[in-house]
Amino acid sequence: MFGWGKKKPKTVEVTLIELGKDEAFGVSQVPVDQLPDTFEINTTLHLGDVDWQVVEARPATKAEFRETGKVTVVLAKQEIFNIDPANVLFSLPTISNDMAIVEAVSSLDNVLVLHEDDWRQFEFLSAGLNELVQQEIQDILAIYHTQREESGFKQLHVRRRIAEPLPGVALPLESLAQAFDIEKRFSGVAFNNAAATIVNGFAWQTGSGWIFWGQTDTQGNLVVLCLLPPQDADAAIMANKIDDFVLANDLLLIDWVSVRQYGKNEGSFSLYE
């Protein structure tokens, strides 16, 4: 809440603009301490009887608008629609049953922000789980064959069989730096711009833009390891290193959404599209 009527010596001029409109519908001097540290995190403002979602803020962080003395906030009204569940289509054929535990943070600075449905969609697994992997794949293929519509899926498969993707694999996080050309280490991973990051989460990016991300245990060993390709990904850049990594550590690499498998007795990562 902004507390529009209170006055303090240090204020920021806040200009409010409705999404799609050119003219501001409100300009107020707001005490800087009553503004959030960042608008990059999902933020809802309650103005009168209407809830507004922050779409964009210029600049986005308190450190910036404290200096400039001004911030422009673009807002969209939160609306509720009644939709017939029978008409709802899923955009994905499958998701994981579990979700990472998160902890509150005040800023998403240098944090990789993903959609929560990205969790464990393209992941490394112990090769010993192959039988369970094949069972999950058959269920996903059934969704493709029987539930697919032109713009989505009437149903999706929730993967429940593999609670721990890397059981018995003592693989330190730092092993990624030994196997790949890591150039950037994010401070953490968040979902949907929520003000929370994965507990013991990590995201490391290679020079070619591929991101390894997931979660470690308290000893720094990998418990979830996912892969995020860059746009216009060129698998040839990573193929040899990923093939060597999965073979050396007795792993599989599974793209659940595309139903593709890489590793021993499976295809080389050079086949990734």
C-alpha atoms as a PDB file:
ATOM      1  CA  MET A   1       0.000   0.000   0.000  1.00  0.00           C
ATOM      2  CA  PHE A   2       1.236   3.459  -0.873  1.00  0.00           C
ATOM      3  CA  GLY A   3      -0.282   5.560   1.912  1.00  0.00           C
ATOM      4  CA  TRP A   4      -0.961   8.469  -0.422  1.00  0.00           C
ATOM      5  CA  GLY A   5      -1.935  11.029   2.232  1.00  0.00           C
ATOM      6  CA  LYS A   6       1.141  10.807   4.453  1.00  0.00           C
ATOM      7  CA  LYS A   7       3.992  13.247   3.993  1.00  0.00           C
ATOM      8  CA  LYS A   8       7.647  12.621   4.659  1.00  0.00           C
ATOM      9  CA  PRO A   9      10.660  14.680   3.628  1.00  0.00           C
ATOM     10  CA  LYS A  10      11.981  12.203   1.045  1.00  0.00           C
ATOM     11  CA  THR A  11       9.348  11.567  -1.609  1.00  0.00           C
ATOM     12  CA  VAL A  12       9.190  10.226  -5.149  1.00  0.00           C
ATOM     13  CA  GLU A  13       6.850  11.472  -7.854  1.00  0.00           C
ATOM     14  CA  VAL A  14       4.798   8.428  -8.871  1.00  0.00           C
ATOM     15  CA  THR A  15       2.978   8.633 -12.205  1.00  0.00           C
ATOM     16  CA  LEU A  16       0.280   6.009 -12.811  1.00  0.00           C
ATOM     17  CA  ILE A  17      -0.678   5.026 -16.361  1.00  0.00           C
ATOM     18  CA  GLU A  18      -3.243   2.418 -17.366  1.00  0.00           C
ATOM     19  CA  LEU A  19      -1.938  -0.169 -19.820  1.00  0.00           C
ATOM     20  CA  GLY A  20      -2.818   0.856 -23.372  1.00  0.00           C
ATOM     21  CA  LYS A  21      -3.465   4.490 -22.461  1.00  0.00           C
ATOM     22  CA  ASP A  22      -1.239   7.503 -23.129  1.00  0.00           C
ATOM     23  CA  GLU A  23      -2.415   9.834 -20.383  1.00  0.00           C
ATOM     24  CA  ALA A  24      -1.640   9.362 -16.692  1.00  0.00           C
ATOM     25  CA  PHE A  25      -4.632   8.914 -14.392  1.00  0.00           C
ATOM     26  CA  GLY A  26      -2.720   9.788 -11.249  1.00  0.00           C
ATOM     27  CA  VAL A  27       0.399  11.638 -10.103  1.00  0.00           C
ATOM     28  CA  SER A  28       1.366  11.681  -6.422  1.00  0.00           C
ATOM     29  CA  GLN A  29       4.315  12.430  -4.205  1.00  0.00           C
ATOM     30  CA  VAL A  30       4.919   9.210  -2.253  1.00  0.00           C
ATOM     31  CA  PRO A  31       7.413   8.683   0.599  1.00  0.00           C
ATOM     32  CA  VAL A  32      10.191   6.574  -0.838  1.00  0.00           C
ATOM     33  CA  ASP A  33      10.130   4.220   2.157  1.00  0.00           C
ATOM     34  CA  GLN A  34       6.548   3.271   1.284  1.00  0.00           C
ATOM     35  CA  LEU A  35       7.522   2.088  -2.185  1.00  0.00           C
ATOM     36  CA  PRO A  36       8.703  -1.498  -2.817  1.00  0.00           C
ATOM     37  CA  ASP A  37      12.398  -2.246  -3.284  1.00  0.00           C
ATOM     38  CA  THR A  38      11.606  -3.399  -6.807  1.00  0.00           C
ATOM     39  CA  PHE A  39       8.651  -3.549  -9.159  1.00  0.00           C
ATOM     40  CA  GLU A  40      10.255  -6.513 -10.943  1.00  0.00           C
ATOM     41  CA  ILE A  41       8.469  -8.766  -8.442  1.00  0.00           C
ATOM     42  CA  ASN A  42       4.724  -9.323  -8.977  1.00  0.00           C
ATOM     43  CA  THR A  43       3.062  -6.325  -7.337  1.00  0.00           C
ATOM     44  CA  THR A  44      -0.606  -5.513  -6.806  1.00  0.00           C
ATOM     45  CA  LEU A  45      -1.771  -2.006  -5.914  1.00  0.00           C
ATOM     46  CA  HIS A  46      -5.131  -1.388  -4.253  1.00  0.00           C
ATOM     47  CA  LEU A  47      -6.455   1.954  -5.500  1.00  0.00           C
ATOM     48  CA  GLY A  48      -9.973   2.766  -4.364  1.00  0.00           C
ATOM     49  CA  ASP A  49     -12.111  -0.312  -4.967  1.00  0.00           C
ATOM     50  CA  VAL A  50      -9.945  -1.637  -7.793  1.00  0.00           C
ATOM     51  CA  ASP A  51      -6.945  -3.978  -7.715  1.00  0.00           C
ATOM     52  CA  TRP A  52      -4.251  -3.141 -10.254  1.00  0.00           C
ATOM     53  CA  GLN A  53      -1.377  -5.355 -11.391  1.00  0.00           C
ATOM     54  CA  VAL A  54       1.953  -3.650 -12.069  1.00  0.00           C
ATOM     55  CA  VAL A  55       2.922  -4.398 -15.665  1.00  0.00           C
ATOM     56  CA  GLU A  56       6.023  -2.219 -15.867  1.00  0.00           C
ATOM     57  CA  ALA A  57       7.854   0.437 -13.890  1.00  0.00           C
ATOM     58  CA  ARG A  58      10.415   2.922 -15.185  1.00  0.00           C
ATOM     59  CA  PRO A  59      12.806   2.724 -13.423  1.00  0.00           C
ATOM     60  CA  ALA A  60      12.084  -0.598 -11.735  1.00  0.00           C
ATOM     61  CA  THR A  61      14.119  -0.474  -8.513  1.00  0.00           C
ATOM     62  CA  LYS A  62      14.077   1.759  -5.453  1.00  0.00           C
ATOM     63  CA  ALA A  63      17.798   2.416  -5.796  1.00  0.00           C
ATOM     64  CA  GLU A  64      17.101   3.987  -9.199  1.00  0.00           C
ATOM     65  CA  PHE A  65      13.957   6.005  -8.489  1.00  0.00           C
ATOM     66  CA  ARG A  66      15.375   7.204  -5.167  1.00  0.00           C
ATOM     67  CA  GLU A  67      18.044   8.933  -7.250  1.00  0.00           C
ATOM     68  CA  THR A  68      15.785  10.211 -10.042  1.00  0.00           C
ATOM     69  CA  GLY A  69      12.955  11.225  -7.728  1.00  0.00           C
ATOM     70  CA  LYS A  70      10.430   9.909 -10.242  1.00  0.00           C
ATOM     71  CA  VAL A  71       8.901   6.596 -11.287  1.00  0.00           C
ATOM     72  CA  THR A  72       6.282   5.807 -13.922  1.00  0.00           C
ATOM     73  CA  VAL A  73       4.144   2.759 -13.165  1.00  0.00           C
ATOM     74  CA  VAL A  74       2.076   1.051 -15.875  1.00  0.00           C
ATOM     75  CA  LEU A  75      -0.943  -0.767 -14.437  1.00  0.00           C
ATOM     76  CA  ALA A  76      -3.572  -3.228 -15.649  1.00  0.00           C
ATOM     77  CA  LYS A  77      -6.877  -3.873 -13.921  1.00  0.00           C
ATOM     78  CA  GLN A  78      -7.253  -7.324 -12.423  1.00  0.00           C
ATOM     79  CA  GLU A  79     -10.406  -8.818 -13.870  1.00  0.00           C
ATOM     80  CA  ILE A  80     -12.207 -12.067 -13.081  1.00  0.00           C
ATOM     81  CA  PHE A  81     -13.785 -14.056 -15.895  1.00  0.00           C
ATOM     82  CA  ASN A  82     -16.120 -17.037 -15.748  1.00  0.00           C
ATOM     83  CA  ILE A  83     -14.846 -19.745 -18.085  1.00  0.00           C
ATOM     84  CA  ASP A  84     -16.412 -23.119 -18.767  1.00  0.00           C
ATOM     85  CA  PRO A  85     -13.819 -25.701 -17.592  1.00  0.00           C
ATOM     86  CA  ALA A  86     -14.817 -27.898 -20.521  1.00  0.00           C
ATOM     87  CA  ASN A  87     -13.395 -25.279 -22.879  1.00  0.00           C
ATOM     88  CA  VAL A  88     -10.028 -24.946 -21.149  1.00  0.00           C
ATOM     89  CA  LEU A  89      -7.015 -26.358 -22.995  1.00  0.00           C
ATOM     90  CA  PHE A  90      -3.594 -27.019 -21.492  1.00  0.00           C
ATOM     91  CA  SER A  91      -0.591 -25.562 -23.267  1.00  0.00           C
ATOM     92  CA  LEU A  92       1.636 -28.475 -22.210  1.00  0.00           C
ATOM     93  CA  PRO A  93       1.166 -32.256 -22.417  1.00  0.00           C
ATOM     94  CA  THR A  94       2.856 -32.873 -19.074  1.00  0.00           C
ATOM     95  CA  ILE A  95       4.099 -31.297 -15.852  1.00  0.00           C
ATOM     96  CA  SER A  96       5.865 -32.636 -12.778  1.00  0.00           C
ATOM     97  CA  ASN A  97       3.814 -33.434  -9.687  1.00  0.00           C
ATOM     98  CA  ASP A  98       6.282 -31.708  -7.353  1.00  0.00           C
ATOM     99  CA  MET A  99       7.358 -28.097  -7.030  1.00  0.00           C
ATOM    100  CA  ALA A 100      10.513 -26.614  -5.555  1.00  0.00           C
ATOM    101  CA  ILE A 101      10.336 -25.121  -2.072  1.00  0.00           C
ATOM    102  CA  VAL A 102      10.960 -21.372  -2.186  1.00  0.00           C
ATOM    103  CA  GLU A 103      11.947 -18.693   0.308  1.00  0.00           C
ATOM    104  CA  ALA A 104      11.079 -14.992   0.366  1.00  0.00           C
ATOM    105  CA  VAL A 105      13.481 -12.423  -1.111  1.00  0.00           C
ATOM    106  CA  SER A 106      13.311  -8.649  -1.389  1.00  0.00           C
ATOM    107  CA  SER A 107      14.766  -8.367  -4.881  1.00  0.00           C
ATOM    108  CA  LEU A 108      15.083 -10.373  -8.088  1.00  0.00           C
ATOM    109  CA  ASP A 109      18.333  -8.693  -9.062  1.00  0.00           C
ATOM    110  CA  ASN A 110      20.492 -11.209 -10.995  1.00  0.00           C
ATOM    111  CA  VAL A 111      17.828 -13.899 -10.474  1.00  0.00           C
ATOM    112  CA  LEU A 112      16.715 -16.186 -13.307  1.00  0.00           C
ATOM    113  CA  VAL A 113      12.925 -15.864 -13.588  1.00  0.00           C
ATOM    114  CA  LEU A 114      11.046 -18.785 -15.127  1.00  0.00           C
ATOM    115  CA  HIS A 115       7.476 -20.044 -15.282  1.00  0.00           C
ATOM    116  CA  GLU A 116       6.598 -22.563 -12.579  1.00  0.00           C
ATOM    117  CA  ASP A 117       5.651 -25.092 -15.287  1.00  0.00           C
ATOM    118  CA  ASP A 118       9.309 -25.104 -16.397  1.00  0.00           C
ATOM    119  CA  TRP A 119      10.207 -27.077 -13.266  1.00  0.00           C
ATOM    120  CA  ARG A 120      11.743 -30.444 -14.248  1.00  0.00           C
ATOM    121  CA  GLN A 121      10.545 -30.314 -17.848  1.00  0.00           C
ATOM    122  CA  PHE A 122      14.006 -30.795 -19.380  1.00  0.00           C
ATOM    123  CA  GLU A 123      16.054 -32.630 -16.778  1.00  0.00           C
ATOM    124  CA  PHE A 124      18.921 -34.963 -16.030  1.00  0.00           C
ATOM    125  CA  LEU A 125      18.036 -38.225 -14.283  1.00  0.00           C
ATOM    126  CA  SER A 126      19.909 -41.220 -12.969  1.00  0.00           C
ATOM    127  CA  ALA A 127      20.140 -43.901 -15.671  1.00  0.00           C
ATOM    128  CA  GLY A 128      18.880 -46.400 -13.099  1.00  0.00           C
ATOM    129  CA  LEU A 129      15.447 -44.777 -13.375  1.00  0.00           C
ATOM    130  CA  ASN A 130      15.070 -45.708 -17.037  1.00  0.00           C
ATOM    131  CA  GLU A 131      12.191 -48.149 -16.471  1.00  0.00           C
ATOM    132  CA  LEU A 132      10.157 -45.454 -14.716  1.00  0.00           C
ATOM    133  CA  VAL A 133      11.158 -42.956 -17.394  1.00  0.00           C
ATOM    134  CA  GLN A 134       9.733 -45.218 -20.095  1.00  0.00           C
ATOM    135  CA  GLN A 135       6.455 -45.567 -18.204  1.00  0.00           C
ATOM    136  CA  GLU A 136       6.128 -41.793 -17.941  1.00  0.00           C
ATOM    137  CA  ILE A 137       6.947 -41.401 -21.626  1.00  0.00           C
ATOM    138  CA  GLN A 138       4.202 -43.824 -22.615  1.00  0.00           C
ATOM    139  CA  ASP A 139       1.689 -41.785 -20.630  1.00  0.00           C
ATOM    140  CA  ILE A 140       2.846 -38.551 -22.292  1.00  0.00           C
ATOM    141  CA  LEU A 141       2.606 -40.128 -25.745  1.00  0.00           C
ATOM    142  CA  ALA A 142      -0.960 -41.162 -24.918  1.00  0.00           C
ATOM    143  CA  ILE A 143      -1.760 -37.495 -24.271  1.00  0.00           C
ATOM    144  CA  TYR A 144      -0.328 -36.556 -27.665  1.00  0.00           C
ATOM    145  CA  HIS A 145      -2.292 -39.315 -29.402  1.00  0.00           C
ATOM    146  CA  THR A 146      -5.677 -38.881 -27.708  1.00  0.00           C
ATOM    147  CA  GLN A 147      -5.916 -35.428 -26.118  1.00  0.00           C
ATOM    148  CA  ARG A 148      -4.260 -33.082 -28.576  1.00  0.00           C
ATOM    149  CA  GLU A 149      -6.189 -30.208 -30.131  1.00  0.00           C
ATOM    150  CA  GLU A 150      -4.916 -27.644 -32.613  1.00  0.00           C
ATOM    151  CA  SER A 151      -4.186 -25.081 -29.895  1.00  0.00           C
ATOM    152  CA  GLY A 152      -3.442 -27.285 -26.880  1.00  0.00           C
ATOM    153  CA  PHE A 153      -4.340 -30.406 -24.938  1.00  0.00           C
ATOM    154  CA  LYS A 154      -7.683 -31.385 -23.402  1.00  0.00           C
ATOM    155  CA  GLN A 155      -5.825 -33.164 -20.611  1.00  0.00           C
ATOM    156  CA  LEU A 156      -2.233 -33.354 -19.416  1.00  0.00           C
ATOM    157  CA  HIS A 157      -0.167 -36.054 -17.760  1.00  0.00           C
ATOM    158  CA  VAL A 158       1.120 -35.277 -14.266  1.00  0.00           C
ATOM    159  CA  ARG A 159       4.389 -37.136 -13.700  1.00  0.00           C
ATOM    160  CA  ARG A 160       4.391 -38.771 -10.256  1.00  0.00           C
ATOM    161  CA  ARG A 161       6.671 -41.802 -10.515  1.00  0.00           C
ATOM    162  CA  ILE A 162      10.049 -40.093 -10.048  1.00  0.00           C
ATOM    163  CA  ALA A 163      10.153 -38.023  -6.878  1.00  0.00           C
ATOM    164  CA  GLU A 164      13.971 -37.915  -6.825  1.00  0.00           C
ATOM    165  CA  PRO A 165      15.584 -37.538 -10.249  1.00  0.00           C
ATOM    166  CA  LEU A 166      19.163 -38.093  -9.037  1.00  0.00           C
ATOM    167  CA  PRO A 167      19.037 -40.786  -6.312  1.00  0.00           C
ATOM    168  CA  GLY A 168      22.435 -42.072  -5.293  1.00  0.00           C
ATOM    169  CA  VAL A 169      24.220 -39.569  -7.542  1.00  0.00           C
ATOM    170  CA  ALA A 170      26.788 -37.638  -5.506  1.00  0.00           C
ATOM    171  CA  LEU A 171      27.423 -34.922  -8.058  1.00  0.00           C
ATOM    172  CA  PRO A 172      28.708 -31.589  -6.694  1.00  0.00           C
ATOM    173  CA  LEU A 173      27.355 -28.405  -8.212  1.00  0.00           C
ATOM    174  CA  GLU A 174      30.912 -27.344  -8.996  1.00  0.00           C
ATOM    175  CA  SER A 175      31.212 -30.311 -11.364  1.00  0.00           C
ATOM    176  CA  LEU A 176      29.241 -28.257 -13.873  1.00  0.00           C
ATOM    177  CA  ALA A 177      32.052 -25.725 -14.016  1.00  0.00           C
ATOM    178  CA  GLN A 178      34.479 -28.546 -14.769  1.00  0.00           C
ATOM    179  CA  ALA A 179      32.340 -29.980 -17.563  1.00  0.00           C
ATOM    180  CA  PHE A 180      31.033 -26.791 -19.213  1.00  0.00           C
ATOM    181  CA  ASP A 181      32.238 -23.269 -19.971  1.00  0.00           C
ATOM    182  CA  ILE A 182      30.238 -21.484 -17.292  1.00  0.00           C
ATOM    183  CA  GLU A 183      30.362 -17.704 -17.746  1.00  0.00           C
ATOM    184  CA  LYS A 184      27.524 -16.438 -15.562  1.00  0.00           C
ATOM    185  CA  ARG A 185      26.196 -17.516 -12.185  1.00  0.00           C
ATOM    186  CA  PHE A 186      22.760 -16.178 -11.289  1.00  0.00           C
ATOM    187  CA  SER A 187      21.955 -15.419  -7.663  1.00  0.00           C
ATOM    188  CA  GLY A 188      18.992 -17.784  -7.716  1.00  0.00           C
ATOM    189  CA  VAL A 189      15.856 -18.932  -9.521  1.00  0.00           C
ATOM    190  CA  ALA A 190      12.331 -17.517  -9.160  1.00  0.00           C
ATOM    191  CA  PHE A 191       9.001 -18.379 -10.726  1.00  0.00           C
ATOM    192  CA  ASN A 192       6.600 -15.888 -12.329  1.00  0.00           C
ATOM    193  CA  ASN A 193       8.321 -12.824 -10.805  1.00  0.00           C
ATOM    194  CA  ALA A 194       7.122 -13.887  -7.350  1.00  0.00           C
ATOM    195  CA  ALA A 195       9.133 -12.458  -4.457  1.00  0.00           C
ATOM    196  CA  ALA A 196      10.711 -15.827  -3.661  1.00  0.00           C
ATOM    197  CA  THR A 197      13.569 -17.979  -4.923  1.00  0.00           C
ATOM    198  CA  ILE A 198      14.190 -21.726  -4.831  1.00  0.00           C
ATOM    199  CA  VAL A 199      15.808 -22.874  -1.593  1.00  0.00           C
ATOM    200  CA  ASN A 200      19.383 -23.893  -2.482  1.00  0.00           C
ATOM    201  CA  GLY A 201      18.558 -23.020  -6.072  1.00  0.00           C
ATOM    202  CA  PHE A 202      21.112 -22.187  -8.737  1.00  0.00           C
ATOM    203  CA  ALA A 203      21.335 -21.181 -12.396  1.00  0.00           C
ATOM    204  CA  TRP A 204      24.601 -21.198 -14.329  1.00  0.00           C
ATOM    205  CA  GLN A 205      24.884 -20.019 -17.917  1.00  0.00           C
ATOM    206  CA  THR A 206      27.440 -21.089 -20.502  1.00  0.00           C
ATOM    207  CA  GLY A 207      29.103 -18.749 -22.936  1.00  0.00           C
ATOM    208  CA  SER A 208      26.748 -19.982 -25.679  1.00  0.00           C
ATOM    209  CA  GLY A 209      23.647 -19.207 -23.614  1.00  0.00           C
ATOM    210  CA  TRP A 210      22.645 -22.653 -22.321  1.00  0.00           C
ATOM    211  CA  ILE A 211      21.537 -22.558 -18.681  1.00  0.00           C
ATOM    212  CA  PHE A 212      21.911 -25.350 -16.142  1.00  0.00           C
ATOM    213  CA  TRP A 213      19.566 -24.738 -13.244  1.00  0.00           C
ATOM    214  CA  GLY A 214      17.934 -26.559 -10.371  1.00  0.00           C
ATOM    215  CA  GLN A 215      18.558 -27.287  -6.724  1.00  0.00           C
ATOM    216  CA  THR A 216      21.254 -28.696  -4.451  1.00  0.00           C
ATOM    217  CA  ASP A 217      21.179 -30.273  -1.022  1.00  0.00           C
ATOM    218  CA  THR A 218      22.778 -28.585   1.973  1.00  0.00           C
ATOM    219  CA  GLN A 219      26.132 -30.161   1.067  1.00  0.00           C
ATOM    220  CA  GLY A 220      26.117 -28.618  -2.399  1.00  0.00           C
ATOM    221  CA  ASN A 221      25.317 -31.822  -4.289  1.00  0.00           C
ATOM    222  CA  LEU A 222      22.809 -31.745  -7.134  1.00  0.00           C
ATOM    223  CA  VAL A 223      19.313 -33.027  -6.363  1.00  0.00           C
ATOM    224  CA  VAL A 224      17.584 -31.482  -9.399  1.00  0.00           C
ATOM    225  CA  LEU A 225      19.422 -30.510 -12.583  1.00  0.00           C
ATOM    226  CA  CYS A 226      17.496 -28.962 -15.458  1.00  0.00           C
ATOM    227  CA  LEU A 227      18.580 -27.586 -18.811  1.00  0.00           C
ATOM    228  CA  LEU A 228      17.278 -24.404 -20.441  1.00  0.00           C
ATOM    229  CA  PRO A 229      18.282 -23.928 -24.091  1.00  0.00           C
ATOM    230  CA  PRO A 230      18.737 -20.433 -25.511  1.00  0.00           C
ATOM    231  CA  GLN A 231      16.544 -19.137 -28.309  1.00  0.00           C
ATOM    232  CA  ASP A 232      17.725 -20.464 -31.668  1.00  0.00           C
ATOM    233  CA  ALA A 233      19.731 -23.084 -29.796  1.00  0.00           C
ATOM    234  CA  ASP A 234      22.542 -24.785 -31.680  1.00  0.00           C
ATOM    235  CA  ALA A 235      22.912 -28.259 -30.188  1.00  0.00           C
ATOM    236  CA  ALA A 236      26.201 -28.822 -32.001  1.00  0.00           C
ATOM    237  CA  ILE A 237      27.880 -26.366 -29.630  1.00  0.00           C
ATOM    238  CA  MET A 238      26.946 -28.453 -26.584  1.00  0.00           C
ATOM    239  CA  ALA A 239      26.519 -31.972 -27.964  1.00  0.00           C
ATOM    240  CA  ASN A 240      29.928 -33.441 -27.193  1.00  0.00           C
ATOM    241  CA  LYS A 241      30.117 -31.959 -23.712  1.00  0.00           C
ATOM    242  CA  ILE A 242      26.602 -33.048 -22.760  1.00  0.00           C
ATOM    243  CA  ASP A 243      27.146 -36.534 -24.196  1.00  0.00           C
ATOM    244  CA  ASP A 244      30.370 -36.853 -22.194  1.00  0.00           C
ATOM    245  CA  PHE A 245      28.693 -35.509 -19.039  1.00  0.00           C
ATOM    246  CA  VAL A 246      25.759 -37.935 -19.078  1.00  0.00           C
ATOM    247  CA  LEU A 247      27.958 -40.929 -19.897  1.00  0.00           C
ATOM    248  CA  ALA A 248      30.573 -40.086 -17.261  1.00  0.00           C
ATOM    249  CA  ASN A 249      27.909 -39.730 -14.562  1.00  0.00           C
ATOM    250  CA  ASP A 250      25.536 -42.510 -15.702  1.00  0.00           C
ATOM    251  CA  LEU A 251      22.713 -40.079 -16.455  1.00  0.00           C
ATOM    252  CA  LEU A 252      19.846 -39.630 -18.859  1.00  0.00           C
ATOM    253  CA  LEU A 253      18.728 -36.281 -20.244  1.00  0.00           C
ATOM    254  CA  ILE A 254      14.979 -36.185 -20.840  1.00  0.00           C
ATOM    255  CA  ASP A 255      12.932 -33.530 -22.608  1.00  0.00           C
ATOM    256  CA  TRP A 256       9.518 -34.522 -21.253  1.00  0.00           C
ATOM    257  CA  VAL A 257       7.474 -32.056 -23.307  1.00  0.00           C
ATOM    258  CA  SER A 258       9.037 -33.058 -26.635  1.00  0.00           C
ATOM    259  CA  VAL A 259       9.419 -36.697 -25.516  1.00  0.00           C
ATOM    260  CA  ARG A 260      13.102 -36.903 -26.396  1.00  0.00           C
ATOM    261  CA  GLN A 261      15.788 -38.928 -24.619  1.00  0.00           C
ATOM    262  CA  TYR A 262      19.557 -38.588 -24.633  1.00  0.00           C
ATOM    263  CA  GLY A 263      22.250 -40.707 -23.015  1.00  0.00           C
ATOM    264  CA  LYS A 264      23.565 -44.269 -23.009  1.00  0.00           C
ATOM    265  CA  ASN A 265      21.604 -46.459 -25.448  1.00  0.00           C
ATOM    266  CA  GLU A 266      19.644 -43.355 -26.464  1.00  0.00           C
ATOM    267  CA  GLY A 267      20.386 -40.631 -29.004  1.00  0.00           C
ATOM    268  CA  SER A 268      23.301 -38.229 -28.951  1.00  0.00           C
ATOM    269  CA  PHE A 269      22.467 -34.681 -27.921  1.00  0.00           C
ATOM    270  CA  SER A 270      23.537 -33.629 -31.414  1.00  0.00           C
ATOM    271  CA  LEU A 271      20.022 -34.757 -32.469  1.00  0.00           C
ATOM    272  CA  TYR A 272      18.365 -32.119 -30.290  1.00  0.00           C
ATOM    273  CA  GLU A 273      16.088 -29.749 -32.184  1.00  0.00           C
END
